Amino acid sequence: RNFDKGLFQPKLEAAVAEALNRYPGSYEAALGEAYLIVG
């Protein structure tokens, strides 16, 4: 993400949305939301 926020931020958000939709409360969702908070 940090190499090009404009390019990769939307892709990160899409991956996190998939994690939240498929497996809410999972490690994948927790990790994804953590990345978003870091940003």
PDB file of all heavy atoms in Angstrom:
ATOM      1  N   ARG A   1       0.804  -1.221   0.000  1.00  0.00           N
ATOM      2  CA  ARG A   1       0.000   0.000   0.000  1.00  0.00           C
ATOM      3  C   ARG A   1       0.837   1.272   0.000  1.00  0.00           C
ATOM      4  O   ARG A   1       0.579   2.201  -0.768  1.00  0.00           O
ATOM      5  CB  ARG A   1      -0.932   0.006   1.211  1.00  0.00           C
ATOM      6  CG  ARG A   1      -1.703   1.311   1.393  1.00  0.00           C
ATOM      7  CD  ARG A   1      -2.398   1.375   2.735  1.00  0.00           C
ATOM      8  NE  ARG A   1      -3.000   2.687   2.944  1.00  0.00           N
ATOM      9  CZ  ARG A   1      -2.344   3.727   3.434  1.00  0.00           C
ATOM     10  NH1 ARG A   1      -1.071   3.617   3.751  1.00  0.00           N
ATOM     11  NH2 ARG A   1      -2.956   4.888   3.596  1.00  0.00           N
ATOM     12  N   ASN A   2       1.854   1.340   0.837  1.00  0.00           N
ATOM     13  CA  ASN A   2       2.620   2.581   0.984  1.00  0.00           C
ATOM     14  C   ASN A   2       3.486   2.915  -0.216  1.00  0.00           C
ATOM     15  O   ASN A   2       3.990   4.038  -0.312  1.00  0.00           O
ATOM     16  CB  ASN A   2       3.485   2.526   2.245  1.00  0.00           C
ATOM     17  CG  ASN A   2       2.662   2.733   3.508  1.00  0.00           C
ATOM     18  OD1 ASN A   2       1.612   3.359   3.477  1.00  0.00           O
ATOM     19  ND2 ASN A   2       3.126   2.182   4.609  1.00  0.00           N
ATOM     20  N   PHE A   3       3.668   1.978  -1.127  1.00  0.00           N
ATOM     21  CA  PHE A   3       4.466   2.269  -2.318  1.00  0.00           C
ATOM     22  C   PHE A   3       3.696   3.152  -3.302  1.00  0.00           C
ATOM     23  O   PHE A   3       4.305   3.887  -4.074  1.00  0.00           O
ATOM     24  CB  PHE A   3       4.910   0.972  -3.004  1.00  0.00           C
ATOM     25  CG  PHE A   3       5.929   0.202  -2.217  1.00  0.00           C
ATOM     26  CD1 PHE A   3       5.560  -0.910  -1.471  1.00  0.00           C
ATOM     27  CD2 PHE A   3       7.261   0.588  -2.212  1.00  0.00           C
ATOM     28  CE1 PHE A   3       6.499  -1.630  -0.749  1.00  0.00           C
ATOM     29  CE2 PHE A   3       8.216  -0.119  -1.494  1.00  0.00           C
ATOM     30  CZ  PHE A   3       7.827  -1.228  -0.748  1.00  0.00           C
ATOM     31  N   ASP A   4       2.379   3.059  -3.286  1.00  0.00           N
ATOM     32  CA  ASP A   4       1.538   3.917  -4.132  1.00  0.00           C
ATOM     33  C   ASP A   4       0.112   3.862  -3.565  1.00  0.00           C
ATOM     34  O   ASP A   4      -0.679   2.997  -3.928  1.00  0.00           O
ATOM     35  CB  ASP A   4       1.553   3.447  -5.590  1.00  0.00           C
ATOM     36  CG  ASP A   4       0.863   4.447  -6.528  1.00  0.00           C
ATOM     37  OD1 ASP A   4      -0.166   5.031  -6.135  1.00  0.00           O
ATOM     38  OD2 ASP A   4       1.369   4.636  -7.649  1.00  0.00           O
ATOM     39  N   LYS A   5      -0.178   4.782  -2.648  1.00  0.00           N
ATOM     40  CA  LYS A   5      -1.471   4.743  -1.950  1.00  0.00           C
ATOM     41  C   LYS A   5      -2.641   4.892  -2.911  1.00  0.00           C
ATOM     42  O   LYS A   5      -3.679   4.249  -2.748  1.00  0.00           O
ATOM     43  CB  LYS A   5      -1.515   5.826  -0.878  1.00  0.00           C
ATOM     44  CG  LYS A   5      -0.521   5.633   0.258  1.00  0.00           C
ATOM     45  CD  LYS A   5      -0.658   6.737   1.292  1.00  0.00           C
ATOM     46  CE  LYS A   5       0.300   6.522   2.455  1.00  0.00           C
ATOM     47  NZ  LYS A   5       1.712   6.663   2.082  1.00  0.00           N
ATOM     48  N   GLY A   6      -2.485   5.758  -3.912  1.00  0.00           N
ATOM     49  CA  GLY A   6      -3.577   5.967  -4.851  1.00  0.00           C
ATOM     50  C   GLY A   6      -3.942   4.714  -5.608  1.00  0.00           C
ATOM     51  O   GLY A   6      -5.121   4.459  -5.891  1.00  0.00           O
ATOM     52  N   LEU A   7      -2.946   3.905  -5.925  1.00  0.00           N
ATOM     53  CA  LEU A   7      -3.171   2.678  -6.676  1.00  0.00           C
ATOM     54  C   LEU A   7      -3.619   1.532  -5.774  1.00  0.00           C
ATOM     55  O   LEU A   7      -4.574   0.805  -6.090  1.00  0.00           O
ATOM     56  CB  LEU A   7      -1.887   2.276  -7.408  1.00  0.00           C
ATOM     57  CG  LEU A   7      -1.910   0.930  -8.149  1.00  0.00           C
ATOM     58  CD1 LEU A   7      -2.965   0.937  -9.249  1.00  0.00           C
ATOM     59  CD2 LEU A   7      -0.521   0.629  -8.723  1.00  0.00           C
ATOM     60  N   PHE A   8      -2.936   1.353  -4.631  1.00  0.00           N
ATOM     61  CA  PHE A   8      -3.135   0.143  -3.838  1.00  0.00           C
ATOM     62  C   PHE A   8      -4.151   0.283  -2.703  1.00  0.00           C
ATOM     63  O   PHE A   8      -4.678  -0.727  -2.235  1.00  0.00           O
ATOM     64  CB  PHE A   8      -1.790  -0.329  -3.268  1.00  0.00           C
ATOM     65  CG  PHE A   8      -0.815  -0.782  -4.317  1.00  0.00           C
ATOM     66  CD1 PHE A   8       0.451  -0.219  -4.408  1.00  0.00           C
ATOM     67  CD2 PHE A   8      -1.167  -1.762  -5.233  1.00  0.00           C
ATOM     68  CE1 PHE A   8       1.354  -0.638  -5.368  1.00  0.00           C
ATOM     69  CE2 PHE A   8      -0.272  -2.193  -6.200  1.00  0.00           C
ATOM     70  CZ  PHE A   8       0.994  -1.625  -6.276  1.00  0.00           C
ATOM     71  N   GLN A   9      -4.436   1.512  -2.265  1.00  0.00           N
ATOM     72  CA  GLN A   9      -5.417   1.663  -1.190  1.00  0.00           C
ATOM     73  C   GLN A   9      -6.789   1.093  -1.564  1.00  0.00           C
ATOM     74  O   GLN A   9      -7.380   0.342  -0.776  1.00  0.00           O
ATOM     75  CB  GLN A   9      -5.544   3.142  -0.789  1.00  0.00           C
ATOM     76  CG  GLN A   9      -6.575   3.430   0.296  1.00  0.00           C
ATOM     77  CD  GLN A   9      -6.171   2.897   1.661  1.00  0.00           C
ATOM     78  OE1 GLN A   9      -5.000   2.647   1.917  1.00  0.00           O
ATOM     79  NE2 GLN A   9      -7.146   2.710   2.542  1.00  0.00           N
ATOM     80  N   PRO A  10      -7.319   1.410  -2.754  1.00  0.00           N
ATOM     81  CA  PRO A  10      -8.619   0.819  -3.117  1.00  0.00           C
ATOM     82  C   PRO A  10      -8.589  -0.706  -3.187  1.00  0.00           C
ATOM     83  O   PRO A  10      -9.574  -1.373  -2.856  1.00  0.00           O
ATOM     84  CB  PRO A  10      -8.912   1.426  -4.497  1.00  0.00           C
ATOM     85  CG  PRO A  10      -8.089   2.672  -4.550  1.00  0.00           C
ATOM     86  CD  PRO A  10      -6.846   2.352  -3.785  1.00  0.00           C
ATOM     87  N   LYS A  11      -7.458  -1.252  -3.609  1.00  0.00           N
ATOM     88  CA  LYS A  11      -7.324  -2.706  -3.686  1.00  0.00           C
ATOM     89  C   LYS A  11      -7.282  -3.322  -2.291  1.00  0.00           C
ATOM     90  O   LYS A  11      -7.827  -4.410  -2.054  1.00  0.00           O
ATOM     91  CB  LYS A  11      -6.074  -3.076  -4.491  1.00  0.00           C
ATOM     92  CG  LYS A  11      -6.163  -2.690  -5.971  1.00  0.00           C
ATOM     93  CD  LYS A  11      -4.873  -3.005  -6.701  1.00  0.00           C
ATOM     94  CE  LYS A  11      -4.956  -2.644  -8.174  1.00  0.00           C
ATOM     95  NZ  LYS A  11      -5.875  -3.533  -8.933  1.00  0.00           N
ATOM     96  N   LEU A  12      -6.617  -2.634  -1.360  1.00  0.00           N
ATOM     97  CA  LEU A  12      -6.616  -3.092   0.025  1.00  0.00           C
ATOM     98  C   LEU A  12      -8.030  -3.051   0.591  1.00  0.00           C
ATOM     99  O   LEU A  12      -8.483  -4.006   1.240  1.00  0.00           O
ATOM    100  CB  LEU A  12      -5.684  -2.226   0.871  1.00  0.00           C
ATOM    101  CG  LEU A  12      -5.712  -2.479   2.388  1.00  0.00           C
ATOM    102  CD1 LEU A  12      -5.316  -3.912   2.712  1.00  0.00           C
ATOM    103  CD2 LEU A  12      -4.808  -1.479   3.107  1.00  0.00           C
ATOM    104  N   GLU A  13      -8.735  -1.965   0.340  1.00  0.00           N
ATOM    105  CA  GLU A  13     -10.106  -1.832   0.843  1.00  0.00           C
ATOM    106  C   GLU A  13     -11.013  -2.928   0.284  1.00  0.00           C
ATOM    107  O   GLU A  13     -11.882  -3.452   0.986  1.00  0.00           O
ATOM    108  CB  GLU A  13     -10.650  -0.447   0.509  1.00  0.00           C
ATOM    109  CG  GLU A  13      -9.949   0.671   1.281  1.00  0.00           C
ATOM    110  CD  GLU A  13     -10.361   2.049   0.815  1.00  0.00           C
ATOM    111  OE1 GLU A  13     -11.140   2.153  -0.157  1.00  0.00           O
ATOM    112  OE2 GLU A  13      -9.907   3.043   1.428  1.00  0.00           O
ATOM    113  N   ALA A  14     -10.801  -3.283  -0.979  1.00  0.00           N
ATOM    114  CA  ALA A  14     -11.598  -4.345  -1.588  1.00  0.00           C
ATOM    115  C   ALA A  14     -11.314  -5.694  -0.927  1.00  0.00           C
ATOM    116  O   ALA A  14     -12.234  -6.489  -0.677  1.00  0.00           O
ATOM    117  CB  ALA A  14     -11.316  -4.425  -3.087  1.00  0.00           C
ATOM    118  N   ALA A  15     -10.048  -5.954  -0.639  1.00  0.00           N
ATOM    119  CA  ALA A  15      -9.680  -7.211   0.020  1.00  0.00           C
ATOM    120  C   ALA A  15     -10.268  -7.270   1.428  1.00  0.00           C
ATOM    121  O   ALA A  15     -10.773  -8.313   1.861  1.00  0.00           O
ATOM    122  CB  ALA A  15      -8.161  -7.346   0.072  1.00  0.00           C
ATOM    123  N   VAL A  16     -10.208  -6.144   2.143  1.00  0.00           N
ATOM    124  CA  VAL A  16     -10.759  -6.094   3.499  1.00  0.00           C
ATOM    125  C   VAL A  16     -12.279  -6.284   3.459  1.00  0.00           C
ATOM    126  O   VAL A  16     -12.856  -6.999   4.292  1.00  0.00           O
ATOM    127  CB  VAL A  16     -10.392  -4.776   4.190  1.00  0.00           C
ATOM    128  CG1 VAL A  16     -11.063  -4.683   5.566  1.00  0.00           C
ATOM    129  CG2 VAL A  16      -8.886  -4.654   4.336  1.00  0.00           C
ATOM    130  N   ALA A  17     -12.935  -5.664   2.487  1.00  0.00           N
ATOM    131  CA  ALA A  17     -14.392  -5.814   2.353  1.00  0.00           C
ATOM    132  C   ALA A  17     -14.756  -7.278   2.125  1.00  0.00           C
ATOM    133  O   ALA A  17     -15.752  -7.777   2.677  1.00  0.00           O
ATOM    134  CB  ALA A  17     -14.901  -4.942   1.212  1.00  0.00           C
ATOM    135  N   GLU A  18     -13.960  -7.978   1.332  1.00  0.00           N
ATOM    136  CA  GLU A  18     -14.214  -9.394   1.085  1.00  0.00           C
ATOM    137  C   GLU A  18     -14.061 -10.198   2.384  1.00  0.00           C
ATOM    138  O   GLU A  18     -14.866 -11.094   2.669  1.00  0.00           O
ATOM    139  CB  GLU A  18     -13.237  -9.920   0.034  1.00  0.00           C
ATOM    140  CG  GLU A  18     -13.430 -11.375  -0.345  1.00  0.00           C
ATOM    141  CD  GLU A  18     -14.692 -11.626  -1.150  1.00  0.00           C
ATOM    142  OE1 GLU A  18     -15.259 -10.655  -1.707  1.00  0.00           O
ATOM    143  OE2 GLU A  18     -15.125 -12.795  -1.218  1.00  0.00           O
ATOM    144  N   ALA A  19     -13.030  -9.853   3.166  1.00  0.00           N
ATOM    145  CA  ALA A  19     -12.817 -10.553   4.434  1.00  0.00           C
ATOM    146  C   ALA A  19     -13.970 -10.307   5.399  1.00  0.00           C
ATOM    147  O   ALA A  19     -14.459 -11.239   6.060  1.00  0.00           O
ATOM    148  CB  ALA A  19     -11.498 -10.104   5.058  1.00  0.00           C
ATOM    149  N   LEU A  20     -14.432  -9.069   5.467  1.00  0.00           N
ATOM    150  CA  LEU A  20     -15.535  -8.729   6.368  1.00  0.00           C
ATOM    151  C   LEU A  20     -16.831  -9.407   5.934  1.00  0.00           C
ATOM    152  O   LEU A  20     -17.637  -9.815   6.770  1.00  0.00           O
ATOM    153  CB  LEU A  20     -15.723  -7.214   6.415  1.00  0.00           C
ATOM    154  CG  LEU A  20     -14.618  -6.424   7.130  1.00  0.00           C
ATOM    155  CD1 LEU A  20     -14.769  -4.932   6.859  1.00  0.00           C
ATOM    156  CD2 LEU A  20     -14.655  -6.695   8.621  1.00  0.00           C
ATOM    157  N   ASN A  21     -17.005  -9.526   4.643  1.00  0.00           N
ATOM    158  CA  ASN A  21     -18.224 -10.137   4.120  1.00  0.00           C
ATOM    159  C   ASN A  21     -18.214 -11.658   4.303  1.00  0.00           C
ATOM    160  O   ASN A  21     -19.216 -12.258   4.717  1.00  0.00           O
ATOM    161  CB  ASN A  21     -18.384  -9.796   2.646  1.00  0.00           C
ATOM    162  CG  ASN A  21     -19.639 -10.409   2.042  1.00  0.00           C
ATOM    163  OD1 ASN A  21     -20.741 -10.154   2.493  1.00  0.00           O
ATOM    164  ND2 ASN A  21     -19.455 -11.238   1.016  1.00  0.00           N
ATOM    165  N   ARG A  22     -17.091 -12.282   4.005  1.00  0.00           N
ATOM    166  CA  ARG A  22     -17.010 -13.742   4.060  1.00  0.00           C
ATOM    167  C   ARG A  22     -16.873 -14.260   5.491  1.00  0.00           C
ATOM    168  O   ARG A  22     -17.550 -15.200   5.894  1.00  0.00           O
ATOM    169  CB  ARG A  22     -15.796 -14.237   3.259  1.00  0.00           C
ATOM    170  CG  ARG A  22     -16.070 -14.513   1.814  1.00  0.00           C
ATOM    171  CD  ARG A  22     -14.816 -15.076   1.170  1.00  0.00           C
ATOM    172  NE  ARG A  22     -15.021 -15.273  -0.248  1.00  0.00           N
ATOM    173  CZ  ARG A  22     -15.450 -16.403  -0.802  1.00  0.00           C
ATOM    174  NH1 ARG A  22     -15.705 -17.449  -0.040  1.00  0.00           N
ATOM    175  NH2 ARG A  22     -15.615 -16.493  -2.109  1.00  0.00           N
ATOM    176  N   TYR A  23     -15.935 -13.661   6.218  1.00  0.00           N
ATOM    177  CA  TYR A  23     -15.587 -14.190   7.528  1.00  0.00           C
ATOM    178  C   TYR A  23     -15.515 -13.074   8.563  1.00  0.00           C
ATOM    179  O   TYR A  23     -14.438 -12.734   9.059  1.00  0.00           O
ATOM    180  CB  TYR A  23     -14.238 -14.921   7.466  1.00  0.00           C
ATOM    181  CG  TYR A  23     -14.180 -16.053   6.472  1.00  0.00           C
ATOM    182  CD1 TYR A  23     -13.290 -16.008   5.390  1.00  0.00           C
ATOM    183  CD2 TYR A  23     -14.993 -17.171   6.620  1.00  0.00           C
ATOM    184  CE1 TYR A  23     -13.229 -17.061   4.480  1.00  0.00           C
ATOM    185  CE2 TYR A  23     -14.937 -18.216   5.708  1.00  0.00           C
ATOM    186  CZ  TYR A  23     -14.055 -18.154   4.647  1.00  0.00           C
ATOM    187  OH  TYR A  23     -13.999 -19.198   3.749  1.00  0.00           O
ATOM    188  N   PRO A  24     -16.646 -12.474   8.921  1.00  0.00           N
ATOM    189  CA  PRO A  24     -16.635 -11.424   9.943  1.00  0.00           C
ATOM    190  C   PRO A  24     -16.101 -11.969  11.266  1.00  0.00           C
ATOM    191  O   PRO A  24     -16.436 -13.086  11.661  1.00  0.00           O
ATOM    192  CB  PRO A  24     -18.108 -11.021  10.052  1.00  0.00           C
ATOM    193  CG  PRO A  24     -18.868 -12.160   9.471  1.00  0.00           C
ATOM    194  CD  PRO A  24     -18.009 -12.758   8.425  1.00  0.00           C
ATOM    195  N   GLY A  25     -15.251 -11.194  11.914  1.00  0.00           N
ATOM    196  CA  GLY A  25     -14.658 -11.619  13.176  1.00  0.00           C
ATOM    197  C   GLY A  25     -13.432 -12.489  13.028  1.00  0.00           C
ATOM    198  O   GLY A  25     -12.821 -12.877  14.019  1.00  0.00           O
ATOM    199  N   SER A  26     -13.050 -12.802  11.776  1.00  0.00           N
ATOM    200  CA  SER A  26     -11.902 -13.677  11.538  1.00  0.00           C
ATOM    201  C   SER A  26     -10.586 -12.916  11.656  1.00  0.00           C
ATOM    202  O   SER A  26     -10.552 -11.678  11.696  1.00  0.00           O
ATOM    203  CB  SER A  26     -11.994 -14.272  10.131  1.00  0.00           C
ATOM    204  OG  SER A  26     -11.840 -13.242   9.159  1.00  0.00           O
ATOM    205  N   TYR A  27      -9.491 -13.684  11.664  1.00  0.00           N
ATOM    206  CA  TYR A  27      -8.169 -13.058  11.683  1.00  0.00           C
ATOM    207  C   TYR A  27      -7.946 -12.224  10.424  1.00  0.00           C
ATOM    208  O   TYR A  27      -7.348 -11.150  10.479  1.00  0.00           O
ATOM    209  CB  TYR A  27      -7.067 -14.113  11.797  1.00  0.00           C
ATOM    210  CG  TYR A  27      -5.686 -13.497  11.789  1.00  0.00           C
ATOM    211  CD1 TYR A  27      -5.189 -12.870  12.926  1.00  0.00           C
ATOM    212  CD2 TYR A  27      -4.899 -13.503  10.639  1.00  0.00           C
ATOM    213  CE1 TYR A  27      -3.942 -12.269  12.919  1.00  0.00           C
ATOM    214  CE2 TYR A  27      -3.651 -12.910  10.623  1.00  0.00           C
ATOM    215  CZ  TYR A  27      -3.181 -12.295  11.775  1.00  0.00           C
ATOM    216  OH  TYR A  27      -1.946 -11.693  11.749  1.00  0.00           O
ATOM    217  N   GLU A  28      -8.432 -12.715   9.286  1.00  0.00           N
ATOM    218  CA  GLU A  28      -8.251 -11.977   8.033  1.00  0.00           C
ATOM    219  C   GLU A  28      -8.936 -10.612   8.113  1.00  0.00           C
ATOM    220  O   GLU A  28      -8.389  -9.594   7.676  1.00  0.00           O
ATOM    221  CB  GLU A  28      -8.814 -12.764   6.846  1.00  0.00           C
ATOM    222  CG  GLU A  28      -8.152 -14.106   6.604  1.00  0.00           C
ATOM    223  CD  GLU A  28      -8.650 -15.185   7.549  1.00  0.00           C
ATOM    224  OE1 GLU A  28      -9.874 -15.335   7.703  1.00  0.00           O
ATOM    225  OE2 GLU A  28      -7.807 -15.867   8.148  1.00  0.00           O
ATOM    226  N   ALA A  29     -10.133 -10.579   8.683  1.00  0.00           N
ATOM    227  CA  ALA A  29     -10.847  -9.314   8.834  1.00  0.00           C
ATOM    228  C   ALA A  29     -10.130  -8.407   9.829  1.00  0.00           C
ATOM    229  O   ALA A  29      -9.983  -7.199   9.596  1.00  0.00           O
ATOM    230  CB  ALA A  29     -12.284  -9.572   9.299  1.00  0.00           C
ATOM    231  N   ALA A  30      -9.658  -8.986  10.930  1.00  0.00           N
ATOM    232  CA  ALA A  30      -8.928  -8.203  11.931  1.00  0.00           C
ATOM    233  C   ALA A  30      -7.653  -7.613  11.343  1.00  0.00           C
ATOM    234  O   ALA A  30      -7.328  -6.436  11.558  1.00  0.00           O
ATOM    235  CB  ALA A  30      -8.588  -9.085  13.136  1.00  0.00           C
ATOM    236  N   LEU A  31      -6.934  -8.424  10.572  1.00  0.00           N
ATOM    237  CA  LEU A  31      -5.693  -7.953   9.951  1.00  0.00           C
ATOM    238  C   LEU A  31      -5.981  -6.839   8.948  1.00  0.00           C
ATOM    239  O   LEU A  31      -5.295  -5.815   8.915  1.00  0.00           O
ATOM    240  CB  LEU A  31      -4.999  -9.124   9.258  1.00  0.00           C
ATOM    241  CG  LEU A  31      -3.688  -8.814   8.533  1.00  0.00           C
ATOM    242  CD1 LEU A  31      -2.638  -8.323   9.510  1.00  0.00           C
ATOM    243  CD2 LEU A  31      -3.191 -10.056   7.791  1.00  0.00           C
ATOM    244  N   GLY A  32      -7.018  -7.046   8.134  1.00  0.00           N
ATOM    245  CA  GLY A  32      -7.358  -6.036   7.136  1.00  0.00           C
ATOM    246  C   GLY A  32      -7.737  -4.716   7.773  1.00  0.00           C
ATOM    247  O   GLY A  32      -7.278  -3.648   7.344  1.00  0.00           O
ATOM    248  N   GLU A  33      -8.577  -4.762   8.795  1.00  0.00           N
ATOM    249  CA  GLU A  33      -8.966  -3.513   9.455  1.00  0.00           C
ATOM    250  C   GLU A  33      -7.775  -2.866  10.152  1.00  0.00           C
ATOM    251  O   GLU A  33      -7.677  -1.636  10.225  1.00  0.00           O
ATOM    252  CB  GLU A  33     -10.099  -3.774  10.439  1.00  0.00           C
ATOM    253  CG  GLU A  33     -11.423  -4.104   9.759  1.00  0.00           C
ATOM    254  CD  GLU A  33     -12.607  -3.602  10.547  1.00  0.00           C
ATOM    255  OE1 GLU A  33     -12.809  -2.375  10.597  1.00  0.00           O
ATOM    256  OE2 GLU A  33     -13.321  -4.458  11.108  1.00  0.00           O
ATOM    257  N   ALA A  34      -6.847  -3.680  10.658  1.00  0.00           N
ATOM    258  CA  ALA A  34      -5.640  -3.127  11.278  1.00  0.00           C
ATOM    259  C   ALA A  34      -4.810  -2.364  10.246  1.00  0.00           C
ATOM    260  O   ALA A  34      -4.302  -1.269  10.519  1.00  0.00           O
ATOM    261  CB  ALA A  34      -4.813  -4.242  11.915  1.00  0.00           C
ATOM    262  N   TYR A  35      -4.670  -2.934   9.050  1.00  0.00           N
ATOM    263  CA  TYR A  35      -3.948  -2.228   7.987  1.00  0.00           C
ATOM    264  C   TYR A  35      -4.614  -0.892   7.671  1.00  0.00           C
ATOM    265  O   TYR A  35      -3.940   0.133   7.470  1.00  0.00           O
ATOM    266  CB  TYR A  35      -3.908  -3.078   6.722  1.00  0.00           C
ATOM    267  CG  TYR A  35      -2.807  -4.104   6.678  1.00  0.00           C
ATOM    268  CD1 TYR A  35      -3.102  -5.446   6.434  1.00  0.00           C
ATOM    269  CD2 TYR A  35      -1.473  -3.750   6.836  1.00  0.00           C
ATOM    270  CE1 TYR A  35      -2.094  -6.399   6.370  1.00  0.00           C
ATOM    271  CE2 TYR A  35      -0.473  -4.692   6.782  1.00  0.00           C
ATOM    272  CZ  TYR A  35      -0.778  -6.016   6.543  1.00  0.00           C
ATOM    273  OH  TYR A  35       0.218  -6.958   6.485  1.00  0.00           O
ATOM    274  N   LEU A  36      -5.934  -0.877   7.626  1.00  0.00           N
ATOM    275  CA  LEU A  36      -6.647   0.373   7.326  1.00  0.00           C
ATOM    276  C   LEU A  36      -6.425   1.399   8.427  1.00  0.00           C
ATOM    277  O   LEU A  36      -6.224   2.592   8.147  1.00  0.00           O
ATOM    278  CB  LEU A  36      -8.142   0.094   7.151  1.00  0.00           C
ATOM    279  CG  LEU A  36      -8.535  -0.773   5.950  1.00  0.00           C
ATOM    280  CD1 LEU A  36     -10.050  -0.962   5.918  1.00  0.00           C
ATOM    281  CD2 LEU A  36      -8.051  -0.156   4.641  1.00  0.00           C
ATOM    282  N   ILE A  37      -6.441   0.965   9.674  1.00  0.00           N
ATOM    283  CA  ILE A  37      -6.209   1.889  10.789  1.00  0.00           C
ATOM    284  C   ILE A  37      -4.793   2.448  10.741  1.00  0.00           C
ATOM    285  O   ILE A  37      -4.573   3.635  10.962  1.00  0.00           O
ATOM    286  CB  ILE A  37      -6.489   1.191  12.130  1.00  0.00           C
ATOM    287  CG1 ILE A  37      -7.981   0.872  12.256  1.00  0.00           C
ATOM    288  CG2 ILE A  37      -6.055   2.064  13.304  1.00  0.00           C
ATOM    289  CD1 ILE A  37      -8.335  -0.010  13.445  1.00  0.00           C
ATOM    290  N   VAL A  38      -3.827   1.582  10.441  1.00  0.00           N
ATOM    291  CA  VAL A  38      -2.432   2.044  10.318  1.00  0.00           C
ATOM    292  C   VAL A  38      -2.332   3.158   9.278  1.00  0.00           C
ATOM    293  O   VAL A  38      -1.672   4.177   9.489  1.00  0.00           O
ATOM    294  CB  VAL A  38      -1.500   0.878   9.941  1.00  0.00           C
ATOM    295  CG1 VAL A  38      -0.125   1.399   9.536  1.00  0.00           C
ATOM    296  CG2 VAL A  38      -1.366  -0.084  11.106  1.00  0.00           C
ATOM    297  N   GLY A  39      -3.003   2.989   8.153  1.00  0.00           N
ATOM    298  CA  GLY A  39      -2.961   4.002   7.109  1.00  0.00           C
ATOM    299  C   GLY A  39      -3.604   5.313   7.521  1.00  0.00           C
ATOM    300  O   GLY A  39      -3.213   6.383   7.041  1.00  0.00           O
TER     301      GLY A  39
END
